Amino acid sequence: MRISVEAAEGQLPRLIEVASGGEEVVLARDDVPIARIVPIAASPFRIGILAHQTLGTGPNWLEPMPDDDLALWEGER
């Protein structure tokens, strides 16, 4: 979908709906494309030989490890 910046004013919620439905929205000024609104594909966690299978969201590497898992890594159990 191509729409002028002027016509897009006040239509952001509708344009986001269009993009979330899979269609690319191109904003143009004087018939020159200047921006795109595109859907963001959710990429599930995939790894190695299981890349063809969805494994969920994957670990959050920035969160601290739970105490019971940490104890296993440190050989306390």
C-alpha atoms as a PDB file:
ATOM      1  CA  MET A   1       0.000   0.000   0.000  1.00  0.00           C
ATOM      2  CA  ARG A   2       1.311   3.444  -0.885  1.00  0.00           C
ATOM      3  CA  ILE A   3      -0.031   6.570   0.801  1.00  0.00           C
ATOM      4  CA  SER A   4       1.070  10.188   0.946  1.00  0.00           C
ATOM      5  CA  VAL A   5       2.310  11.576   4.234  1.00  0.00           C
ATOM      6  CA  GLU A   6      -0.506  14.112   4.183  1.00  0.00           C
ATOM      7  CA  ALA A   7      -3.158  11.423   3.685  1.00  0.00           C
ATOM      8  CA  ALA A   8      -1.559   9.268   6.401  1.00  0.00           C
ATOM      9  CA  GLU A   9      -1.932  11.972   9.057  1.00  0.00           C
ATOM     10  CA  GLY A  10      -4.400  10.799  11.669  1.00  0.00           C
ATOM     11  CA  GLN A  11      -4.516   7.284  10.205  1.00  0.00           C
ATOM     12  CA  LEU A  12      -1.633   5.676  12.081  1.00  0.00           C
ATOM     13  CA  PRO A  13      -3.789   3.079  13.892  1.00  0.00           C
ATOM     14  CA  ARG A  14      -5.313   1.937  10.582  1.00  0.00           C
ATOM     15  CA  LEU A  15      -1.918   1.836   8.870  1.00  0.00           C
ATOM     16  CA  ILE A  16      -0.505  -0.245  11.723  1.00  0.00           C
ATOM     17  CA  GLU A  17      -3.404  -2.681  11.329  1.00  0.00           C
ATOM     18  CA  VAL A  18      -2.669  -2.958   7.614  1.00  0.00           C
ATOM     19  CA  ALA A  19       1.015  -3.626   8.333  1.00  0.00           C
ATOM     20  CA  SER A  20       0.266  -6.132  11.077  1.00  0.00           C
ATOM     21  CA  GLY A  21      -1.863  -7.991   8.527  1.00  0.00           C
ATOM     22  CA  GLY A  22       1.293  -8.548   6.472  1.00  0.00           C
ATOM     23  CA  GLU A  23       1.103  -5.693   3.979  1.00  0.00           C
ATOM     24  CA  GLU A  24       3.896  -3.156   3.617  1.00  0.00           C
ATOM     25  CA  VAL A  25       2.792   0.488   3.885  1.00  0.00           C
ATOM     26  CA  VAL A  26       4.949   2.998   1.997  1.00  0.00           C
ATOM     27  CA  LEU A  27       4.740   6.666   2.972  1.00  0.00           C
ATOM     28  CA  ALA A  28       5.516   9.071   0.145  1.00  0.00           C
ATOM     29  CA  ARG A  29       6.060  12.785  -0.173  1.00  0.00           C
ATOM     30  CA  ASP A  30       5.579  14.235  -3.679  1.00  0.00           C
ATOM     31  CA  ASP A  31       5.416  10.651  -5.029  1.00  0.00           C
ATOM     32  CA  VAL A  32       8.871   9.911  -3.586  1.00  0.00           C
ATOM     33  CA  PRO A  33       8.899   7.022  -1.077  1.00  0.00           C
ATOM     34  CA  ILE A  34      10.400   8.181   2.221  1.00  0.00           C
ATOM     35  CA  ALA A  35       9.395   5.595   4.833  1.00  0.00           C
ATOM     36  CA  ARG A  36       7.928   2.127   5.271  1.00  0.00           C
ATOM     37  CA  ILE A  37       5.717   0.571   7.904  1.00  0.00           C
ATOM     38  CA  VAL A  38       6.310  -3.171   7.817  1.00  0.00           C
ATOM     39  CA  PRO A  39       5.224  -6.048  10.019  1.00  0.00           C
ATOM     40  CA  ILE A  40       7.825  -7.474  12.378  1.00  0.00           C
ATOM     41  CA  ALA A  41       8.003 -11.217  12.037  1.00  0.00           C
ATOM     42  CA  ALA A  42       8.072 -12.993  15.367  1.00  0.00           C
ATOM     43  CA  SER A  43      11.007 -15.351  15.175  1.00  0.00           C
ATOM     44  CA  PRO A  44      10.733 -18.332  17.488  1.00  0.00           C
ATOM     45  CA  PHE A  45      13.847 -19.750  19.089  1.00  0.00           C
ATOM     46  CA  ARG A  46      15.510 -22.303  16.801  1.00  0.00           C
ATOM     47  CA  ILE A  47      18.800 -24.128  17.152  1.00  0.00           C
ATOM     48  CA  GLY A  48      21.032 -26.485  15.160  1.00  0.00           C
ATOM     49  CA  ILE A  49      19.545 -29.693  13.858  1.00  0.00           C
ATOM     50  CA  LEU A  50      16.199 -28.723  15.395  1.00  0.00           C
ATOM     51  CA  ALA A  51      15.965 -25.530  13.322  1.00  0.00           C
ATOM     52  CA  HIS A  52      12.859 -26.851  11.575  1.00  0.00           C
ATOM     53  CA  GLN A  53      11.086 -27.163  14.938  1.00  0.00           C
ATOM     54  CA  THR A  54       9.828 -24.343  17.120  1.00  0.00           C
ATOM     55  CA  LEU A  55      11.350 -24.595  20.571  1.00  0.00           C
ATOM     56  CA  GLY A  56       9.516 -21.735  22.246  1.00  0.00           C
ATOM     57  CA  THR A  57      10.825 -18.294  23.047  1.00  0.00           C
ATOM     58  CA  GLY A  58      14.248 -19.399  24.258  1.00  0.00           C
ATOM     59  CA  PRO A  59      16.155 -18.342  27.331  1.00  0.00           C
ATOM     60  CA  ASN A  60      16.415 -14.769  28.526  1.00  0.00           C
ATOM     61  CA  TRP A  61      20.183 -14.468  28.783  1.00  0.00           C
ATOM     62  CA  LEU A  62      19.953 -11.241  30.791  1.00  0.00           C
ATOM     63  CA  GLU A  63      17.981 -12.752  33.669  1.00  0.00           C
ATOM     64  CA  PRO A  64      19.841 -14.288  36.618  1.00  0.00           C
ATOM     65  CA  MET A  65      19.894 -18.070  36.796  1.00  0.00           C
ATOM     66  CA  PRO A  66      17.444 -19.602  39.302  1.00  0.00           C
ATOM     67  CA  ASP A  67      19.147 -20.677  42.558  1.00  0.00           C
ATOM     68  CA  ASP A  68      18.456 -24.394  42.056  1.00  0.00           C
ATOM     69  CA  ASP A  69      19.994 -24.343  38.552  1.00  0.00           C
ATOM     70  CA  LEU A  70      22.967 -22.363  39.828  1.00  0.00           C
ATOM     71  CA  ALA A  71      23.504 -24.908  42.604  1.00  0.00           C
ATOM     72  CA  LEU A  72      23.613 -27.701  39.977  1.00  0.00           C
ATOM     73  CA  TRP A  73      26.209 -25.823  37.930  1.00  0.00           C
ATOM     74  CA  GLU A  74      28.331 -25.241  41.020  1.00  0.00           C
ATOM     75  CA  GLY A  75      28.122 -28.907  42.040  1.00  0.00           C
ATOM     76  CA  GLU A  76      26.220 -28.282  45.267  1.00  0.00           C
ATOM     77  CA  ARG A  77      23.583 -30.930  44.584  1.00  0.00           C
END
